[in-house]
Protein backbone atom coordinates (compact mmCIF):
# COMPACT_ATOMS: atom_id res chain seq x y z
CA MET A 1 26.17 -0.52 17.05
CA TYR A 2 26.06 -4.27 17.48
CA GLY A 3 28.93 -6.57 18.23
CA ALA A 4 31.27 -8.27 15.75
CA ALA A 5 28.81 -11.17 15.54
CA GLY A 6 26.17 -8.97 13.89
CA HIS A 7 22.49 -8.82 14.72
CA VAL A 8 19.32 -10.63 13.61
CA THR A 9 15.78 -9.25 13.48
CA PHE A 10 13.09 -11.94 13.35
CA LEU A 11 10.29 -10.15 11.57
CA GLY A 12 6.65 -11.09 11.06
CA ALA A 13 5.61 -10.20 7.50
CA GLY A 14 1.93 -10.89 8.09
CA PRO A 15 -0.40 -13.14 6.10
CA GLY A 16 0.16 -11.67 2.63
CA ASP A 17 -1.24 -8.15 2.32
CA PRO A 18 1.79 -5.80 2.09
CA GLY A 19 -0.24 -3.11 3.87
CA LEU A 20 -0.20 -5.17 7.07
CA LEU A 21 3.53 -4.71 7.70
CA THR A 22 4.13 -2.77 10.90
CA LEU A 23 6.03 0.51 11.04
CA ARG A 24 8.80 -1.18 13.03
CA ALA A 25 9.06 -3.88 10.34
CA VAL A 26 9.51 -1.27 7.60
CA GLU A 27 12.16 0.48 9.69
CA ALA A 28 14.09 -2.76 10.29
CA LEU A 29 13.94 -3.70 6.60
CA ALA A 30 15.40 -0.33 5.59
CA GLN A 31 18.42 -0.98 7.85
CA ALA A 32 19.12 -4.56 6.74
CA ASP A 33 22.38 -5.68 5.14
CA VAL A 34 20.96 -9.13 4.47
CA LEU A 35 17.33 -10.15 3.93
CA VAL A 36 16.41 -13.80 4.46
CA ALA A 37 12.69 -14.09 3.73
CA ASP A 38 10.29 -16.98 3.39
CA PRO A 39 9.54 -17.30 -0.34
CA GLN A 40 5.83 -16.58 0.32
CA VAL A 41 6.60 -13.11 1.69
CA HIS A 42 9.70 -12.13 -0.29
CA ASP A 43 7.72 -9.79 -2.56
CA VAL A 44 5.97 -8.29 0.48
CA VAL A 45 9.14 -7.24 2.29
CA ARG A 46 11.68 -6.69 -0.52
CA PRO A 47 10.32 -3.27 -1.63
CA HIS A 48 11.07 -1.86 1.85
CA ALA A 49 14.73 -2.97 1.89
CA ARG A 50 17.49 -0.80 0.45
CA ALA A 51 18.63 -1.30 -3.13
CA GLY A 52 21.86 -3.15 -2.34
CA VAL A 53 20.51 -5.59 0.24
CA ASP A 54 21.74 -9.18 -0.10
CA THR A 55 18.89 -11.72 -0.59
CA PRO A 56 20.59 -15.13 -0.57
CA LEU A 57 17.48 -17.21 0.14
CA ARG A 58 15.84 -15.96 -3.05
CA ALA A 59 18.52 -17.65 -5.10
CA ALA A 60 18.35 -20.81 -3.01
CA ALA A 61 14.57 -21.02 -3.29
CA ASP A 62 14.77 -20.81 -7.10
CA ASP A 63 16.58 -24.15 -7.05
CA PRO A 64 13.98 -26.97 -6.79
CA ALA A 65 16.48 -29.12 -4.93
CA GLU A 66 16.70 -26.49 -2.20
CA THR A 67 13.03 -25.49 -1.97
CA SER A 68 11.98 -28.45 0.17
CA ALA A 69 14.65 -27.53 2.70
CA THR A 70 13.95 -23.79 2.80
CA SER A 71 13.87 -23.63 6.59
CA ALA A 72 17.21 -25.37 7.03
CA VAL A 73 18.76 -23.26 4.28
CA ALA A 74 17.39 -20.07 5.90
CA ALA A 75 18.82 -20.97 9.30
CA ASP A 76 22.29 -21.55 7.82
CA LEU A 77 22.17 -18.29 5.85
CA VAL A 78 21.09 -16.29 8.90
CA MET A 79 23.88 -17.68 11.06
CA ALA A 80 26.55 -17.20 8.40
CA ALA A 81 25.53 -13.59 7.71
CA ALA A 82 25.29 -12.71 11.40
CA ARG A 83 28.70 -14.24 12.16
CA SER A 84 30.20 -12.05 9.44
CA GLY A 85 29.05 -8.99 11.40
CA ARG A 86 26.12 -7.99 9.23
CA ARG A 87 22.64 -6.84 10.18
CA VAL A 88 20.19 -9.57 9.16
CA VAL A 89 16.41 -9.48 8.81
CA ARG A 90 14.75 -12.89 8.90
CA ALA A 91 11.21 -12.37 7.56
CA VAL A 92 8.62 -15.10 8.10
CA LEU A 93 5.01 -15.55 7.05
CA GLY A 94 2.60 -14.36 9.73
CA ASP A 95 4.12 -13.89 13.19
CA PRO A 96 7.51 -15.31 14.31
CA GLY A 97 6.08 -16.10 17.75
CA LEU A 98 3.80 -18.72 16.15
CA ASP A 99 6.47 -20.11 13.83
CA ALA A 100 8.23 -23.17 15.23
CA ASP A 101 11.10 -22.89 12.75
CA ALA A 102 11.69 -19.25 13.70
CA ALA A 103 11.77 -20.25 17.37
CA ALA A 104 14.45 -22.85 16.61
CA GLU A 105 16.47 -20.24 14.71
CA MET A 106 16.23 -17.86 17.70
CA LEU A 107 17.59 -20.58 19.97
CA GLY A 108 20.45 -21.08 17.52
CA CYS A 109 21.30 -17.37 17.71
CA ALA A 110 21.16 -17.43 21.51
CA ALA A 111 23.47 -20.46 21.66
CA ALA A 112 25.96 -18.76 19.32
CA GLY A 113 25.93 -15.48 21.29
CA ILE A 114 24.32 -13.54 18.42
CA THR A 115 22.06 -10.72 19.55
CA PHE A 116 18.54 -10.71 18.09
CA GLU A 117 15.18 -9.01 18.39
CA VAL A 118 11.63 -9.96 17.44
CA VAL A 119 9.27 -7.73 15.48
CA PRO A 120 5.80 -9.28 15.79
CA GLY A 121 3.55 -9.49 12.75
CA ILE A 122 -0.14 -10.19 12.19
CA ALA A 123 -0.61 -13.93 12.59
CA THR A 124 -2.12 -15.67 9.56
CA ALA A 125 -4.66 -17.47 11.76
CA VAL A 126 -5.94 -14.07 12.99
CA GLY A 127 -5.51 -11.87 9.92
CA VAL A 128 -7.14 -14.19 7.39
CA PRO A 129 -10.46 -14.60 9.28
CA ALA A 130 -10.58 -10.81 9.74
CA TYR A 131 -10.29 -10.33 5.97
CA ALA A 132 -12.85 -13.08 5.38
CA GLY A 133 -15.40 -11.29 7.58
CA VAL A 134 -15.31 -13.98 10.28
CA PRO A 135 -14.92 -12.60 13.84
CA LEU A 136 -13.39 -15.14 16.19
CA ARG A 137 -15.00 -13.87 19.39
CA ASP A 138 -18.10 -11.93 20.37
CA ALA A 139 -19.62 -10.41 23.52
CA HIS A 140 -20.27 -13.91 24.89
CA GLY A 141 -16.53 -14.59 25.05
CA ILE A 142 -16.46 -17.98 23.33
CA ASP A 143 -13.08 -19.70 23.58
CA VAL A 144 -10.87 -19.82 20.50
CA ARG A 145 -8.57 -22.75 19.73
CA PHE A 146 -5.83 -22.58 17.11
CA VAL A 147 -4.98 -25.93 15.54
CA ASP A 148 -2.36 -26.80 12.93
CA ALA A 149 -4.00 -29.78 11.25
CA ARG A 150 -0.68 -30.92 9.84
CA THR A 151 0.79 -31.60 13.30
CA ALA A 152 -2.35 -32.20 15.41
CA ASP A 153 -2.43 -35.55 17.23
CA ALA A 154 -5.38 -37.66 18.37
CA ARG A 155 -5.52 -35.96 21.76
CA CYS A 156 -5.79 -32.53 20.13
CA TRP A 157 -8.68 -33.62 17.89
CA THR A 158 -10.47 -35.17 20.85
CA GLU A 159 -10.17 -31.97 22.91
CA VAL A 160 -11.42 -29.60 20.22
CA GLY A 161 -14.12 -32.06 19.15
CA ALA A 162 -15.52 -32.26 22.66
CA SER A 163 -15.55 -28.46 23.19
CA ASP A 164 -17.80 -25.73 21.78
CA ALA A 165 -14.85 -23.39 21.14
CA THR A 166 -14.33 -21.66 17.83
CA VAL A 167 -11.60 -23.63 16.06
CA VAL A 168 -9.17 -21.93 13.68
CA LEU A 169 -7.60 -24.62 11.51
CA SER A 170 -4.39 -24.11 9.56
CA THR A 171 -4.27 -26.73 6.83
CA THR A 172 -4.10 -27.17 3.06
CA LEU A 173 -6.84 -27.12 0.45
CA ASP A 174 -6.64 -30.82 -0.30
CA ALA A 175 -6.54 -31.75 3.42
CA VAL A 176 -9.31 -29.49 4.78
CA THR A 177 -12.13 -32.02 4.19
CA ALA A 178 -10.15 -34.65 6.11
CA ALA A 179 -9.72 -32.16 8.97
CA ALA A 180 -13.48 -31.53 8.97
CA ALA A 181 -14.07 -35.29 9.16
CA GLU A 182 -11.67 -35.52 12.12
CA LEU A 183 -13.74 -32.95 14.01
CA VAL A 184 -16.98 -34.80 13.29
CA SER A 185 -15.42 -38.07 14.44
CA ALA A 186 -14.24 -36.31 17.62
CA GLY A 187 -17.77 -35.15 18.49
CA ARG A 188 -18.56 -31.95 16.56
CA LYS A 189 -22.01 -31.96 14.94
CA PRO A 190 -21.98 -32.30 11.14
CA ASP A 191 -24.19 -29.19 10.82
CA THR A 192 -21.57 -26.99 12.58
CA PRO A 193 -20.86 -24.06 10.21
CA LEU A 194 -17.39 -23.31 8.93
CA THR A 195 -15.62 -21.12 6.39
CA VAL A 196 -12.55 -21.99 4.34
CA THR A 197 -10.36 -19.17 3.03
CA LEU A 198 -7.69 -19.54 0.39
CA ALA A 199 -4.97 -16.92 -0.32
CA GLY A 200 -6.25 -14.83 2.58
CA THR A 201 -5.61 -11.04 2.70
CA THR A 202 -4.55 -10.98 -0.97
CA THR A 203 -6.63 -10.04 -4.00
CA ARG A 204 -6.72 -13.76 -4.88
CA GLN A 205 -8.64 -14.48 -1.66
CA ARG A 206 -11.61 -16.84 -1.95
CA THR A 207 -13.88 -17.97 0.88
CA TRP A 208 -16.41 -20.80 0.92
CA SER A 209 -19.13 -21.24 3.55
CA ALA A 210 -20.38 -24.73 4.42
CA THR A 211 -20.86 -27.11 7.35
CA LEU A 212 -18.50 -29.80 8.56
CA GLY A 213 -20.72 -32.39 6.91
CA SER A 214 -21.24 -30.59 3.59
CA LEU A 215 -17.76 -29.19 3.02
CA ALA A 216 -16.60 -31.86 0.58
CA GLN A 217 -19.71 -31.41 -1.55
CA THR A 218 -19.44 -27.61 -1.43
CA LEU A 219 -15.84 -27.60 -2.66
CA LYS A 220 -16.65 -30.14 -5.35
CA GLN A 221 -19.62 -28.11 -6.62
CA ALA A 222 -17.45 -24.99 -6.66
CA LYS A 223 -14.95 -26.97 -8.77
CA VAL A 224 -12.26 -26.26 -6.21
CA LEU A 225 -11.46 -29.91 -5.57
CA PRO A 226 -9.89 -31.99 -6.86
CA ALA A 227 -7.17 -29.50 -7.82
CA PRO A 228 -3.58 -29.85 -9.01
CA ASP A 229 -2.55 -27.04 -6.62
CA GLY A 230 -4.34 -28.52 -3.61
CA GLY A 231 -1.24 -28.07 -1.46
CA GLN A 232 -2.02 -24.35 -1.03
CA SER A 233 -2.52 -23.22 2.57
CA VAL A 234 -6.01 -22.38 3.81
CA ILE A 235 -7.52 -21.15 7.06
CA ALA A 236 -10.77 -22.78 8.17
CA VAL A 237 -12.88 -21.33 10.99
CA VAL A 238 -15.28 -23.77 12.64
CA GLY A 239 -18.14 -22.56 14.86
CA GLU A 240 -21.09 -20.21 14.94
CA ARG A 241 -18.84 -17.19 14.30
CA SER A 242 -18.28 -18.43 10.74
CA ALA A 243 -22.01 -18.74 9.96
CA PRO A 244 -22.78 -17.69 6.35
CA ALA A 245 -25.53 -15.29 7.47
CA GLN A 246 -22.96 -13.33 9.44
CA ARG A 247 -20.46 -13.31 6.56
CA ASP A 248 -23.05 -11.71 4.28
CA GLN A 249 -22.81 -8.62 6.47
CA LEU A 250 -19.12 -8.72 7.39
CA ALA A 251 -17.28 -9.85 4.23
CA TRP A 252 -15.85 -6.37 3.66
CA PHE A 253 -12.77 -7.41 1.66
CA GLU A 254 -14.14 -9.75 -0.99
CA SER A 255 -17.13 -7.44 -1.57
CA LYS A 256 -14.98 -4.53 -2.76
CA PRO A 257 -16.31 -3.29 -6.11
CA LEU A 258 -13.28 -4.34 -8.19
CA PHE A 259 -12.12 -7.23 -6.02
CA GLY A 260 -9.55 -9.31 -7.88
CA TRP A 261 -9.90 -7.37 -11.14
CA ASN A 262 -6.71 -7.17 -13.20
CA VAL A 263 -6.73 -3.57 -14.42
CA LEU A 264 -4.36 -2.37 -17.11
CA VAL A 265 -3.05 1.16 -16.55
CA PRO A 266 -1.24 2.32 -19.71
CA ARG A 267 1.06 4.78 -17.95
CA THR A 268 4.57 4.66 -16.49
CA ARG A 269 4.95 3.47 -12.91
CA GLU A 270 5.77 7.02 -11.77
CA GLN A 271 2.72 8.51 -13.49
CA ALA A 272 0.41 5.72 -12.31
CA ALA A 273 1.48 5.59 -8.65
CA SER A 274 -1.49 7.35 -7.02
CA LEU A 275 -3.94 5.93 -9.58
CA SER A 276 -2.75 2.39 -8.85
CA ASP A 277 -3.09 3.02 -5.11
CA GLN A 278 -6.68 4.15 -5.68
CA LEU A 279 -7.44 1.02 -7.73
CA ARG A 280 -5.98 -1.18 -4.99
CA SER A 281 -8.32 0.48 -2.48
CA TYR A 282 -11.19 -0.85 -4.62
CA GLY A 283 -9.70 -4.36 -4.52
CA ALA A 284 -8.16 -4.29 -8.00
CA VAL A 285 -4.74 -5.53 -9.11
CA PRO A 286 -3.26 -2.74 -11.26
CA ALA A 287 -0.65 -3.47 -13.93
CA GLU A 288 1.26 -0.46 -15.27
CA VAL A 289 2.23 -0.71 -18.94
CA PRO A 290 3.90 2.43 -20.32
CA THR A 291 2.74 3.35 -23.83
CA ILE A 292 5.11 6.27 -24.26
CA ALA A 293 8.79 6.75 -23.52
CA VAL A 294 10.38 10.08 -22.67
CA GLU A 295 13.53 11.23 -24.45
CA PRO A 296 15.56 14.47 -24.37
CA PRO A 297 14.78 17.11 -27.00
CA ARG A 298 16.65 16.77 -30.29
CA THR A 299 18.08 20.28 -29.86
CA PRO A 300 18.83 20.92 -26.17
CA GLN A 301 20.08 24.49 -26.64
CA GLN A 302 16.63 26.07 -26.15
CA MET A 303 16.18 24.25 -22.81
CA GLU A 304 19.69 25.23 -21.72
CA ARG A 305 19.06 28.93 -22.46
CA ALA A 306 15.75 28.83 -20.57
CA VAL A 307 17.30 27.27 -17.46
CA LYS A 308 20.06 29.88 -17.48
CA GLY A 309 17.37 32.56 -17.84
CA LEU A 310 15.61 31.07 -14.84
CA VAL A 311 18.72 31.67 -12.74
CA THR A 312 19.41 35.17 -14.07
CA GLY A 313 15.89 36.52 -13.40
CA ARG A 314 14.34 36.37 -16.87
CA TYR A 315 11.05 34.90 -15.62
CA GLU A 316 8.24 35.82 -13.23
CA TRP A 317 6.62 32.37 -13.46
CA ILE A 318 7.48 28.80 -14.39
CA ALA A 319 4.57 26.47 -15.20
CA PHE A 320 4.86 22.70 -14.97
CA THR A 321 2.21 20.72 -16.87
CA SER A 322 3.48 17.19 -16.08
CA VAL A 323 5.68 15.13 -13.82
CA ASN A 324 7.98 14.61 -16.83
CA ALA A 325 8.47 18.38 -17.14
CA VAL A 326 9.55 18.53 -13.49
CA LYS A 327 11.94 15.64 -14.11
CA ALA A 328 13.42 17.31 -17.21
CA VAL A 329 14.11 20.60 -15.41
CA ARG A 330 15.46 18.79 -12.36
CA GLU A 331 17.89 16.79 -14.50
CA LYS A 332 19.09 19.97 -16.22
CA PHE A 333 19.55 21.60 -12.80
CA GLU A 334 21.64 18.67 -11.60
CA GLU A 335 23.70 18.87 -14.79
CA TYR A 336 24.56 22.48 -13.92
CA GLY A 337 25.08 21.81 -10.20
CA LEU A 338 21.92 23.69 -9.24
CA ASP A 339 19.21 22.75 -6.73
CA ALA A 340 15.77 24.01 -5.68
CA ARG A 341 17.25 27.25 -4.32
CA ALA A 342 17.47 28.47 -7.93
CA PHE A 343 13.67 28.92 -7.82
CA ALA A 344 13.99 31.70 -5.23
CA GLY A 345 11.90 34.71 -6.23
CA ILE A 346 10.12 32.85 -9.05
CA LYS A 347 6.44 31.88 -8.82
CA VAL A 348 5.82 28.20 -9.58
CA ALA A 349 2.62 26.68 -11.02
CA ALA A 350 1.66 22.99 -11.25
CA VAL A 351 -1.14 21.60 -13.39
CA GLY A 352 -2.29 19.10 -10.76
CA ASP A 353 -1.61 17.20 -7.54
CA GLN A 354 0.82 14.67 -9.02
CA THR A 355 2.93 17.37 -10.63
CA ALA A 356 2.81 19.35 -7.38
CA ALA A 357 3.98 16.27 -5.46
CA ALA A 358 6.94 15.88 -7.85
CA LEU A 359 7.87 19.52 -7.19
CA VAL A 360 7.64 19.07 -3.42
CA ASP A 361 9.93 16.04 -3.76
CA PHE A 362 12.34 18.36 -5.58
CA GLY A 363 12.12 20.82 -2.66
CA VAL A 364 9.79 23.33 -4.31
CA LYS A 365 6.34 24.24 -2.99
CA PRO A 366 4.14 25.41 -5.90
CA ASP A 367 2.43 28.78 -5.57
CA LEU A 368 -0.46 27.82 -7.85
CA VAL A 369 -2.34 24.53 -8.31
CA PRO A 370 -5.78 24.57 -9.98
CA SER A 371 -8.61 24.79 -7.47
CA GLY A 372 -10.94 23.06 -9.94
CA GLU A 373 -10.20 20.86 -12.93
CA GLN A 374 -6.61 19.62 -13.00
CA SER A 375 -5.78 20.55 -16.59
CA ALA A 376 -4.38 23.43 -18.64
CA ALA A 377 -7.86 24.95 -18.74
CA GLY A 378 -8.18 24.60 -14.96
CA LEU A 379 -4.78 26.24 -14.48
CA LEU A 380 -5.83 29.19 -16.65
CA GLU A 381 -9.00 29.63 -14.58
CA ASP A 382 -6.83 30.52 -11.56
CA TRP A 383 -3.89 32.20 -13.32
CA PRO A 384 -3.69 35.95 -12.58
CA PRO A 385 -3.55 38.39 -15.51
CA TYR A 386 -0.31 40.28 -16.03
CA ASP A 387 -0.25 43.48 -13.99
CA PRO A 388 2.65 45.86 -14.80
CA VAL A 389 2.33 47.45 -11.35
CA PHE A 390 2.74 44.23 -9.33
CA ASP A 391 4.62 42.02 -11.81
CA PRO A 392 8.16 43.32 -12.47
CA ILE A 393 8.66 40.73 -15.22
CA ASP A 394 6.06 39.70 -17.80
CA ARG A 395 7.55 36.39 -18.92
CA VAL A 396 6.56 32.76 -18.20
CA PHE A 397 8.84 29.73 -18.71
CA LEU A 398 6.77 26.77 -19.93
CA PRO A 399 8.82 23.54 -20.17
CA ARG A 400 6.69 20.84 -21.80
CA ALA A 401 6.41 17.93 -24.22
CA ASP A 402 6.94 18.26 -27.94
CA ILE A 403 3.34 17.15 -28.61
CA ALA A 404 1.61 19.34 -26.01
CA THR A 405 -1.44 21.36 -27.04
CA GLU A 406 -1.41 25.14 -27.37
CA THR A 407 -4.22 25.71 -24.84
CA LEU A 408 -2.01 27.01 -22.03
CA VAL A 409 0.23 29.13 -24.27
CA ALA A 410 -2.74 30.86 -25.93
CA GLY A 411 -4.48 31.40 -22.59
CA LEU A 412 -1.40 32.96 -20.97
CA ILE A 413 -0.86 35.31 -23.91
CA GLU A 414 -4.50 36.35 -23.66
CA LEU A 415 -3.88 37.18 -19.98
CA GLY A 416 -1.06 39.51 -21.03
CA TRP A 417 1.96 37.28 -20.43
CA GLU A 418 4.91 36.58 -22.72
CA VAL A 419 5.60 32.84 -22.91
CA ASP A 420 8.84 31.00 -23.58
CA ASP A 421 7.33 27.74 -24.84
CA VAL A 422 10.24 25.31 -24.56
CA THR A 423 10.42 21.64 -25.55
CA ALA A 424 11.79 20.02 -22.39
CA TYR A 425 11.31 16.42 -23.55
CA ARG A 426 10.01 14.36 -26.43
CA THR A 427 7.41 11.63 -26.17
CA VAL A 428 7.86 8.56 -28.34
CA ARG A 429 6.01 5.27 -28.50
CA ALA A 430 7.27 2.86 -25.86
CA SER A 431 8.72 -0.54 -26.59
CA PRO A 432 6.20 -3.42 -26.65
CA PRO A 433 5.50 -4.97 -23.22
CA PRO A 434 6.59 -8.57 -22.50
CA ALA A 435 4.93 -11.34 -24.54
CA GLU A 436 2.97 -12.51 -21.47
CA THR A 437 1.41 -9.05 -21.06
CA ARG A 438 0.58 -8.80 -24.76
CA GLU A 439 -1.15 -12.16 -24.57
CA MET A 440 -3.16 -11.02 -21.55
CA ILE A 441 -4.25 -7.89 -23.42
CA LYS A 442 -5.31 -9.72 -26.58
CA GLY A 443 -6.53 -12.88 -24.86
CA GLY A 444 -8.82 -11.31 -22.25
CA GLY A 445 -6.60 -11.72 -19.21
CA PHE A 446 -7.30 -8.14 -18.11
CA ASP A 447 -10.68 -7.29 -16.65
CA ALA A 448 -10.45 -3.58 -17.50
CA VAL A 449 -8.19 -1.02 -19.12
CA LEU A 450 -8.08 2.68 -18.26
CA PHE A 451 -7.42 5.01 -21.18
CA THR A 452 -6.31 8.45 -20.00
CA SER A 453 -5.85 10.05 -23.43
CA SER A 454 -6.32 9.34 -27.13
CA SER A 455 -2.57 8.72 -27.46
CA THR A 456 -2.74 5.92 -24.86
CA VAL A 457 -5.37 4.19 -27.01
CA ARG A 458 -3.35 4.50 -30.21
CA ASN A 459 -0.06 3.58 -28.58
CA LEU A 460 -1.37 0.59 -26.64
CA VAL A 461 -3.01 -0.88 -29.74
CA GLY A 462 0.18 -0.13 -31.67
CA ILE A 463 2.61 -1.83 -29.28
CA ALA A 464 0.45 -4.61 -27.82
CA GLY A 465 -2.67 -5.11 -29.95
CA LYS A 466 -6.35 -4.43 -29.34
CA PRO A 467 -7.80 -5.40 -25.94
CA HIS A 468 -10.03 -8.50 -26.02
CA ASN A 469 -13.74 -7.91 -26.39
CA VAL A 470 -14.36 -9.13 -22.83
CA THR A 471 -12.26 -6.34 -21.31
CA VAL A 472 -14.10 -3.37 -19.80
CA ILE A 473 -12.99 -0.19 -21.55
CA ALA A 474 -12.89 2.97 -19.41
CA CYS A 475 -12.08 6.37 -20.94
CA ILE A 476 -11.24 9.72 -19.35
CA GLY A 477 -13.34 11.83 -21.73
CA PRO A 478 -15.33 12.02 -24.99
CA ALA A 479 -12.28 12.56 -27.22
CA THR A 480 -10.54 9.49 -25.79
CA ALA A 481 -13.77 7.50 -26.07
CA LYS A 482 -14.10 8.46 -29.75
CA THR A 483 -10.54 7.26 -30.42
CA ALA A 484 -11.28 3.98 -28.64
CA GLU A 485 -14.40 3.45 -30.75
CA GLU A 486 -12.45 4.23 -33.93
CA HIS A 487 -10.18 1.32 -32.94
CA GLY A 488 -13.17 -1.01 -32.66
CA LEU A 489 -13.56 -0.86 -28.86
CA ARG A 490 -16.84 -0.45 -27.02
CA VAL A 491 -16.60 2.12 -24.25
CA ASP A 492 -18.20 0.83 -21.04
CA VAL A 493 -17.17 3.59 -18.63
CA LEU A 494 -16.75 7.33 -19.17
CA ALA A 495 -15.36 9.59 -16.44
CA PRO A 496 -17.79 12.38 -15.40
CA GLU A 497 -14.90 14.86 -15.64
CA PRO A 498 -11.36 14.68 -17.10
CA SER A 499 -9.52 13.36 -14.05
CA VAL A 500 -7.70 10.04 -13.69
CA HIS A 501 -9.09 9.68 -10.19
CA LYS A 502 -12.65 10.32 -11.35
CA LEU A 503 -12.02 7.71 -14.05
CA ALA A 504 -10.98 5.11 -11.46
CA GLU A 505 -13.98 6.08 -9.32
CA ALA A 506 -16.31 5.62 -12.31
CA LEU A 507 -14.84 2.16 -12.96
CA SER A 508 -15.40 1.31 -9.30
CA GLU A 509 -19.04 2.34 -9.54
CA PHE A 510 -19.41 0.22 -12.69
CA GLY A 511 -17.96 -2.78 -10.84
CA ALA A 512 -20.27 -2.18 -7.85
CA ARG A 513 -23.35 -2.14 -10.11
CA ARG A 514 -22.19 -5.29 -11.83
CA ARG A 515 -21.65 -7.06 -8.51
CA ALA A 516 -25.03 -5.93 -7.13
CA ALA A 517 -26.81 -7.22 -10.26
CA ALA A 518 -25.17 -10.64 -9.91
CA VAL A 519 -26.06 -10.88 -6.22
CA GLU A 520 -29.66 -9.82 -6.87
CA ALA A 521 -29.96 -12.45 -9.59
CA GLY A 522 -28.57 -15.11 -7.26
CA GLU A 523 -25.60 -15.66 -9.57
CA PRO A 524 -21.94 -16.03 -8.55
CA VAL A 525 -19.97 -12.80 -8.76
CA LYS A 526 -17.46 -13.17 -11.59
CA ARG A 527 -14.83 -10.88 -13.00
CA PRO A 528 -15.20 -9.81 -16.66
CA SER A 529 -12.26 -12.04 -17.63
CA GLU A 530 -14.18 -15.05 -16.27
CA LYS A 531 -16.97 -14.46 -18.80
CA ARG A 532 -16.19 -14.87 -22.47
CA PRO A 533 -19.03 -13.67 -24.72
CA ALA A 534 -18.87 -14.99 -28.27
CA ARG A 535 -18.78 -11.56 -29.86
CA ARG A 536 -18.75 -7.92 -28.91
CA ARG A 537 -19.44 -5.17 -31.40
CA ALA A 538 -18.14 -1.64 -31.28
CA ARG A 539 -20.79 0.93 -30.39
CA SER A 540 -21.90 2.99 -33.39
């Protein structure tokens, strides 16, 4: 427990990639009563704070009159919250030890007798070059100088200009050419290589290689400058470590196969969680758009009888074919005041890893998950036939959707089991997504869309319109591909087997081939949405 004056944690949120938060940072965020975060990192840290956390700076930053004074506003908010006895997390971009404003706020806490701690983060000036494939030191131990071009004085420029140290410049896009000119004036050779990285460690990252003397021309040819948003922060690395030849080998982040691709995943956030994580590992930016909504069955009595039968020993097995089925049974359990202990003595089957994970979260470890294909057919491959000697009960409880196929029911009956096929939930077409998302779908803002069933094709077109002809269409199997083609879409990617993860992998391989072809042809690597062909016909 902390004193009546509360406690403040100064927390480094890193340079932008949410995955770079430290374990201690996540722990501190989960304990916060108040979260005061720099606007640039609010979305990085907010998901790790509890639901009821107070975020006063967010409201202040939304007011243009307050935005220019964010630091002063933050300091006042931190002090007020701490004095009221609350636990405050003050999250800053990069590392608080390199943030002059954070240092001033720490001194304010010390003067007021407010206890505080510091949770270091990955400094922007270190993390961004690492993501750009630009090592700052090598075996020869070259010195590294960190310079904030916005506050550097004449003496600073003279010192770094006269040295051969690697210089890491923090500046803005519209001021980086002036900083390069300062270094040349201070003695650096115009042919000294440098890299400039914008939006470092995020999927919007872009890096340009040039020399001090050619930087202005390079940015102009790339149509980067002049730019209306030239006030964006950049990190420039000056010295032999930033040589383009070295970046060709070390640019691991921007060379990911789907780097920066906006990929539409027409599933709910819960269903798409692991798929979206996989897409992010390929460099993509997934956007989940549900095409179906789940509602209770119109007549709940059948489900109620089945759950009561589960408790009274009517069943030998219960088979879950979706995360939604787990959710439906769990909600019915909670309605009756039951928990996972009601599954004692009953064998539990799950159609795949995601469904199994939902069961584990419920407190139930499944006895059977397909060893091969994660589908009803795969489940039947491993399901044991009914044996009257070893199976005291011959009945299976199958809670599922109203539109589910009969594959599993027929297969279980063939294996000798009696099946209570119960509608646990209904699937209906979801509401249309926001207008901005619909425009992205129809206007070519998405680089790819993953269709995981024929119904996702029909429902997406029904609620949002047909994807633009520039969008890469990826389908989980032949039936889904046929439905896509019937809707006038050309299928670019087909999963080698009916698995959402194999589908994402196939899209990644498609992106890798596309990137390699552009590099081999000496062309800039562009996302599909950056190329707008005049017309695209459906494949016959």
